[in-house]
C-alpha atoms as a PDB file:
ATOM      1  CA  MET A   1      83.413 109.542 109.984  1.00  0.00           C
ATOM      2  CA  ALA A   2      84.647 105.972 109.630  1.00  0.00           C
ATOM      3  CA  GLU A   3      86.094 106.934 106.244  1.00  0.00           C
ATOM      4  CA  ILE A   4      88.471 109.350 107.945  1.00  0.00           C
ATOM      5  CA  GLN A   5      89.561 106.594 110.330  1.00  0.00           C
ATOM      6  CA  VAL A   6      90.572 104.536 107.297  1.00  0.00           C
ATOM      7  CA  PHE A   7      92.805 107.388 106.102  1.00  0.00           C
ATOM      8  CA  LYS A   8      94.277 107.827 109.579  1.00  0.00           C
ATOM      9  CA  THR A   9      95.033 104.108 109.757  1.00  0.00           C
ATOM     10  CA  GLU A  10      96.710 104.159 106.343  1.00  0.00           C
ATOM     11  CA  ILE A  11      98.782 107.179 107.358  1.00  0.00           C
ATOM     12  CA  THR A  12      99.854 105.436 110.568  1.00  0.00           C
ATOM     13  CA  HIS A  13     100.807 102.270 108.680  1.00  0.00           C
ATOM     14  CA  VAL A  14     102.919 104.250 106.218  1.00  0.00           C
ATOM     15  CA  CYS A  15     104.668 106.032 109.082  1.00  0.00           C
ATOM     16  CA  VAL A  16     105.408 102.689 110.736  1.00  0.00           C
ATOM     17  CA  LEU A  17     106.772 101.409 107.421  1.00  0.00           C
ATOM     18  CA  ILE A  18     109.043 104.427 107.071  1.00  0.00           C
ATOM     19  CA  LYS A  19     110.195 104.049 110.673  1.00  0.00           C
ATOM     20  CA  SER A  20     111.036 100.396 109.995  1.00  0.00           C
ATOM     21  CA  TYR A  21     113.806 101.503 107.620  1.00  0.00           C
ATOM     22  CA  GLU A  22     115.638 103.339 110.398  1.00  0.00           C
ATOM     23  CA  PRO A  23     118.004 100.455 111.342  1.00  0.00           C
ATOM     24  CA  GLN A  24     119.074 100.091 107.713  1.00  0.00           C
ATOM     25  CA  ILE A  25     119.605 103.843 107.450  1.00  0.00           C
ATOM     26  CA  ASN A  26     121.672 103.811 110.635  1.00  0.00           C
ATOM     27  CA  ASN A  27     123.704 100.930 109.242  1.00  0.00           C
ATOM     28  CA  LEU A  28     124.480 102.953 106.118  1.00  0.00           C
ATOM     29  CA  SER A  29     125.357 105.972 108.262  1.00  0.00           C
ATOM     30  CA  GLN A  30     128.266 104.114 109.812  1.00  0.00           C
ATOM     31  CA  ALA A  31     131.718 104.717 108.420  1.00  0.00           C
ATOM     32  CA  PHE A  32     132.648 102.619 105.432  1.00  0.00           C
ATOM     33  CA  VAL A  33     135.085  99.817 106.100  1.00  0.00           C
ATOM     34  CA  PHE A  34     137.094  99.059 103.008  1.00  0.00           C
ATOM     35  CA  HIS A  35     138.794  95.729 102.610  1.00  0.00           C
ATOM     36  CA  ASN A  36     142.367  95.088 101.498  1.00  0.00           C
ATOM     37  CA  GLN A  37     141.539  93.269  98.291  1.00  0.00           C
ATOM     38  CA  MET A  38     140.211  95.188  95.291  1.00  0.00           C
ATOM     39  CA  GLU A  39     137.452  92.649  94.599  1.00  0.00           C
ATOM     40  CA  GLU A  40     136.257  92.814  98.207  1.00  0.00           C
ATOM     41  CA  CYS A  41     136.158  96.610  97.993  1.00  0.00           C
ATOM     42  CA  LYS A  42     134.147  96.493  94.784  1.00  0.00           C
ATOM     43  CA  GLU A  43     131.690  94.010  96.293  1.00  0.00           C
ATOM     44  CA  TYR A  44     131.361  96.117  99.448  1.00  0.00           C
ATOM     45  CA  ILE A  45     130.663  99.275  97.438  1.00  0.00           C
ATOM     46  CA  LYS A  46     128.178  97.383  95.259  1.00  0.00           C
ATOM     47  CA  GLU A  47     126.289  96.101  98.330  1.00  0.00           C
ATOM     48  CA  ARG A  48     126.180  99.528  99.985  1.00  0.00           C
ATOM     49  CA  THR A  49     125.058 101.221  96.776  1.00  0.00           C
ATOM     50  CA  SER A  50     122.364  98.605  96.286  1.00  0.00           C
ATOM     51  CA  MET A  51     121.075  99.104  99.838  1.00  0.00           C
ATOM     52  CA  LEU A  52     121.117 102.877  99.429  1.00  0.00           C
ATOM     53  CA  ASN A  53     119.144 102.659  96.174  1.00  0.00           C
ATOM     54  CA  TYR A  54     116.643 100.275  97.764  1.00  0.00           C
ATOM     55  CA  LEU A  55     116.103 102.577 100.746  1.00  0.00           C
ATOM     56  CA  GLU A  56     115.805 105.647  98.551  1.00  0.00           C
ATOM     57  CA  LYS A  57     113.120 104.052  96.372  1.00  0.00           C
ATOM     58  CA  SER A  58     111.265 102.512  99.307  1.00  0.00           C
ATOM     59  CA  ILE A  59     111.164 105.675 101.389  1.00  0.00           C
ATOM     60  CA  TYR A  60     110.247 107.794  98.384  1.00  0.00           C
ATOM     61  CA  SER A  61     107.347 105.464  97.534  1.00  0.00           C
ATOM     62  CA  ALA A  62     106.157 105.421 101.132  1.00  0.00           C
ATOM     63  CA  THR A  63     106.256 109.211 101.447  1.00  0.00           C
ATOM     64  CA  GLN A  64     104.392 109.556  98.145  1.00  0.00           C
ATOM     65  CA  PHE A  65     101.728 107.190  99.447  1.00  0.00           C
ATOM     66  CA  HIS A  66     101.599 109.150 102.717  1.00  0.00           C
ATOM     67  CA  ASN A  67     101.083 112.401 100.818  1.00  0.00           C
ATOM     68  CA  THR A  68      98.353 110.791  98.714  1.00  0.00           C
ATOM     69  CA  CYS A  69      96.543 109.560 101.841  1.00  0.00           C
ATOM     70  CA  VAL A  70      96.683 113.005 103.436  1.00  0.00           C
ATOM     71  CA  LYS A  71      95.451 114.651 100.235  1.00  0.00           C
ATOM     72  CA  GLU A  72      92.589 112.162  99.837  1.00  0.00           C
ATOM     73  CA  ALA A  73      91.595 112.603 103.476  1.00  0.00           C
ATOM     74  CA  ALA A  74      91.553 116.394 103.085  1.00  0.00           C
ATOM     75  CA  GLU A  75      89.502 116.115  99.886  1.00  0.00           C
ATOM     76  CA  ASN A  76      87.072 113.777 101.613  1.00  0.00           C
ATOM     77  CA  ILE A  77      86.686 116.226 104.479  1.00  0.00           C
ATOM     78  CA  THR A  78      86.252 119.310 102.300  1.00  0.00           C
ATOM     79  CA  GLY A  79      83.556 117.474 100.367  1.00  0.00           C
ATOM     80  CA  ARG A  80      81.337 117.378 103.454  1.00  0.00           C
ATOM     81  CA  VAL A  81      78.261 119.582 103.405  1.00  0.00           C
ATOM     82  CA  GLU A  82      78.121 120.723 107.033  1.00  0.00           C
ATOM     83  CA  GLN A  83      80.799 123.186 108.064  1.00  0.00           C
ATOM     84  CA  LYS A  84      80.892 121.979 111.686  1.00  0.00           C
ATOM     85  CA  VAL A  85      81.509 118.423 110.530  1.00  0.00           C
ATOM     86  CA  ARG A  86      84.270 119.609 108.174  1.00  0.00           C
ATOM     87  CA  GLU A  87      85.943 121.603 110.943  1.00  0.00           C
ATOM     88  CA  LYS A  88      85.759 118.732 113.424  1.00  0.00           C
ATOM     89  CA  LEU A  89      87.155 116.223 110.946  1.00  0.00           C
ATOM     90  CA  MET A  90      89.927 118.563 109.803  1.00  0.00           C
ATOM     91  CA  LEU A  91      90.958 119.233 113.412  1.00  0.00           C
ATOM     92  CA  ASP A  92      90.916 115.495 114.075  1.00  0.00           C
ATOM     93  CA  LEU A  93      93.080 114.802 111.011  1.00  0.00           C
ATOM     94  CA  ASN A  94      95.456 117.625 111.940  1.00  0.00           C
ATOM     95  CA  LYS A  95      95.810 116.279 115.476  1.00  0.00           C
ATOM     96  CA  HIS A  96      96.573 112.834 114.075  1.00  0.00           C
ATOM     97  CA  LEU A  97      99.208 114.236 111.713  1.00  0.00           C
ATOM     98  CA  GLU A  98     100.871 116.100 114.576  1.00  0.00           C
ATOM     99  CA  LEU A  99     101.373 112.791 116.385  1.00  0.00           C
ATOM    100  CA  GLU A 100     103.449 111.374 113.518  1.00  0.00           C
ATOM    101  CA  PRO A 101     106.126 114.034 112.757  1.00  0.00           C
ATOM    102  CA  ASP A 102     109.028 112.220 114.430  1.00  0.00           C
ATOM    103  CA  VAL A 103     108.457 109.175 112.271  1.00  0.00           C
ATOM    104  CA  LEU A 104     108.597 111.177 109.075  1.00  0.00           C
ATOM    105  CA  GLU A 105     111.892 112.833 110.040  1.00  0.00           C
ATOM    106  CA  VAL A 106     113.529 109.579 108.990  1.00  0.00           C
ATOM    107  CA  ALA A 107     112.432 110.298 105.419  1.00  0.00           C
ATOM    108  CA  ILE A 108     114.388 113.544 105.421  1.00  0.00           C
ATOM    109  CA  ILE A 109     117.650 111.718 106.114  1.00  0.00           C
END
């Protein structure tokens, strides 16, 4: 049973990581402010593009890791011999996953 707690903890940590990107996402969601000089505009676009690429890669990696944790937890549970234990653990994992949906909505943005 402690093994499942490890998966739940990893899932929670990944969700917290994804949630931590929200301020940067909100910053990118604001209207672009272009400067008067061409060089300033180019630098501004370069910075915004760089931040967007960073967030895209980071969130993608985190969601992939989240999916891997969920899959490994499910495989661990289905490998149990006793059906009652499997059902209890699967319900517990499902309940835990239902607590985290708001955090993962950030990844959809």
